[in-house]
Amino acid sequence: MKTISSRAIATAFASMLLMGSAFAQTPAAAPAAKAEKAPVVHSAASLECSKEADAKGLHGKERKKFRSECKRAAADKK
């Protein structure tokens, strides 16, 4: 008799543990794929300055500085 009651208690305990996970709060759903970003549209001046920087073989800070000055000069011409 003791064996049956201990098995029943063990079964009830295991059931409660399993039921607890069924009612547990699910983690917040990760946002569906991050909002797709619209493709970046570069101005004609920006593209032209990039081509010039490529032709000069500029990279890194020098390229950034050159493109900045180039785009500023193109904006001043307008």
C-alpha atoms as a PDB file:
ATOM      1  CA  MET A   1       0.000   0.000   0.000  1.00  0.00           C
ATOM      2  CA  LYS A   2       2.837   2.339   0.812  1.00  0.00           C
ATOM      3  CA  THR A   3       4.330   1.794  -2.627  1.00  0.00           C
ATOM      4  CA  ILE A   4       1.164   2.797  -4.436  1.00  0.00           C
ATOM      5  CA  SER A   5       0.723   5.988  -2.420  1.00  0.00           C
ATOM      6  CA  SER A   6       4.388   6.983  -2.839  1.00  0.00           C
ATOM      7  CA  ARG A   7       4.092   6.398  -6.580  1.00  0.00           C
ATOM      8  CA  ALA A   8       0.913   8.474  -6.699  1.00  0.00           C
ATOM      9  CA  ILE A   9       2.617  11.297  -4.799  1.00  0.00           C
ATOM     10  CA  ALA A  10       5.674  11.120  -7.079  1.00  0.00           C
ATOM     11  CA  THR A  11       3.422  11.176 -10.143  1.00  0.00           C
ATOM     12  CA  ALA A  12       1.429  14.123  -8.816  1.00  0.00           C
ATOM     13  CA  PHE A  13       4.629  16.012  -8.021  1.00  0.00           C
ATOM     14  CA  ALA A  14       6.071  15.348 -11.486  1.00  0.00           C
ATOM     15  CA  SER A  15       2.789  16.442 -13.062  1.00  0.00           C
ATOM     16  CA  MET A  16       2.861  19.705 -11.118  1.00  0.00           C
ATOM     17  CA  LEU A  17       6.404  20.380 -12.287  1.00  0.00           C
ATOM     18  CA  LEU A  18       5.468  19.730 -15.897  1.00  0.00           C
ATOM     19  CA  MET A  19       2.280  21.804 -15.632  1.00  0.00           C
ATOM     20  CA  GLY A  20       4.239  24.672 -14.169  1.00  0.00           C
ATOM     21  CA  SER A  21       6.318  24.918 -17.316  1.00  0.00           C
ATOM     22  CA  ALA A  22       3.144  24.915 -19.414  1.00  0.00           C
ATOM     23  CA  PHE A  23       1.902  28.013 -17.610  1.00  0.00           C
ATOM     24  CA  ALA A  24       5.275  29.712 -17.445  1.00  0.00           C
ATOM     25  CA  GLN A  25       5.532  33.029 -19.170  1.00  0.00           C
ATOM     26  CA  THR A  26       7.117  32.674 -22.564  1.00  0.00           C
ATOM     27  CA  PRO A  27      10.058  34.957 -23.313  1.00  0.00           C
ATOM     28  CA  ALA A  28       9.218  38.116 -25.189  1.00  0.00           C
ATOM     29  CA  ALA A  29       9.142  37.384 -28.855  1.00  0.00           C
ATOM     30  CA  ALA A  30      12.140  38.812 -30.595  1.00  0.00           C
ATOM     31  CA  PRO A  31      11.035  41.432 -33.031  1.00  0.00           C
ATOM     32  CA  ALA A  32      10.424  39.839 -36.362  1.00  0.00           C
ATOM     33  CA  ALA A  33      13.330  40.442 -38.652  1.00  0.00           C
ATOM     34  CA  LYS A  34      14.555  43.952 -38.103  1.00  0.00           C
ATOM     35  CA  ALA A  35      12.687  46.377 -40.223  1.00  0.00           C
ATOM     36  CA  GLU A  36      14.210  46.197 -43.619  1.00  0.00           C
ATOM     37  CA  LYS A  37      16.083  49.354 -44.355  1.00  0.00           C
ATOM     38  CA  ALA A  38      15.468  51.170 -47.567  1.00  0.00           C
ATOM     39  CA  PRO A  39      18.473  51.098 -49.849  1.00  0.00           C
ATOM     40  CA  VAL A  40      20.671  54.150 -49.524  1.00  0.00           C
ATOM     41  CA  VAL A  41      20.485  56.421 -52.540  1.00  0.00           C
ATOM     42  CA  HIS A  42      23.675  58.409 -53.042  1.00  0.00           C
ATOM     43  CA  SER A  43      23.701  61.738 -54.783  1.00  0.00           C
ATOM     44  CA  ALA A  44      25.454  62.179 -58.115  1.00  0.00           C
ATOM     45  CA  ALA A  45      28.086  64.339 -56.391  1.00  0.00           C
ATOM     46  CA  SER A  46      28.750  61.634 -53.811  1.00  0.00           C
ATOM     47  CA  LEU A  47      29.179  58.982 -56.493  1.00  0.00           C
ATOM     48  CA  GLU A  48      31.478  61.207 -58.519  1.00  0.00           C
ATOM     49  CA  CYS A  49      33.606  61.981 -55.461  1.00  0.00           C
ATOM     50  CA  SER A  50      33.851  58.266 -54.701  1.00  0.00           C
ATOM     51  CA  LYS A  51      35.045  57.569 -58.240  1.00  0.00           C
ATOM     52  CA  GLU A  52      37.697  60.273 -57.906  1.00  0.00           C
ATOM     53  CA  ALA A  53      38.822  58.857 -54.554  1.00  0.00           C
ATOM     54  CA  ASP A  54      39.066  55.406 -56.143  1.00  0.00           C
ATOM     55  CA  ALA A  55      41.137  56.793 -59.007  1.00  0.00           C
ATOM     56  CA  LYS A  56      43.523  58.399 -56.510  1.00  0.00           C
ATOM     57  CA  GLY A  57      43.702  55.165 -54.500  1.00  0.00           C
ATOM     58  CA  LEU A  58      42.601  56.848 -51.281  1.00  0.00           C
ATOM     59  CA  HIS A  59      41.591  54.794 -48.239  1.00  0.00           C
ATOM     60  CA  GLY A  60      40.635  55.423 -44.634  1.00  0.00           C
ATOM     61  CA  LYS A  61      40.824  58.924 -43.206  1.00  0.00           C
ATOM     62  CA  GLU A  62      42.329  60.395 -46.359  1.00  0.00           C
ATOM     63  CA  ARG A  63      39.415  59.090 -48.432  1.00  0.00           C
ATOM     64  CA  LYS A  64      36.867  60.363 -45.943  1.00  0.00           C
ATOM     65  CA  LYS A  65      38.469  63.808 -45.867  1.00  0.00           C
ATOM     66  CA  PHE A  66      38.737  63.965 -49.663  1.00  0.00           C
ATOM     67  CA  ARG A  67      35.102  62.949 -50.175  1.00  0.00           C
ATOM     68  CA  SER A  68      33.924  65.465 -47.598  1.00  0.00           C
ATOM     69  CA  GLU A  69      35.797  68.317 -49.284  1.00  0.00           C
ATOM     70  CA  CYS A  70      34.720  67.142 -52.734  1.00  0.00           C
ATOM     71  CA  LYS A  71      31.032  67.009 -51.794  1.00  0.00           C
ATOM     72  CA  ARG A  72      31.265  70.398 -50.097  1.00  0.00           C
ATOM     73  CA  ALA A  73      32.813  71.890 -53.265  1.00  0.00           C
ATOM     74  CA  ALA A  74      30.070  70.296 -55.400  1.00  0.00           C
ATOM     75  CA  ALA A  75      27.394  71.762 -53.128  1.00  0.00           C
ATOM     76  CA  ASP A  76      29.014  75.212 -53.375  1.00  0.00           C
ATOM     77  CA  LYS A  77      28.925  75.028 -57.193  1.00  0.00           C
ATOM     78  CA  LYS A  78      25.168  74.581 -57.099  1.00  0.00           C
END
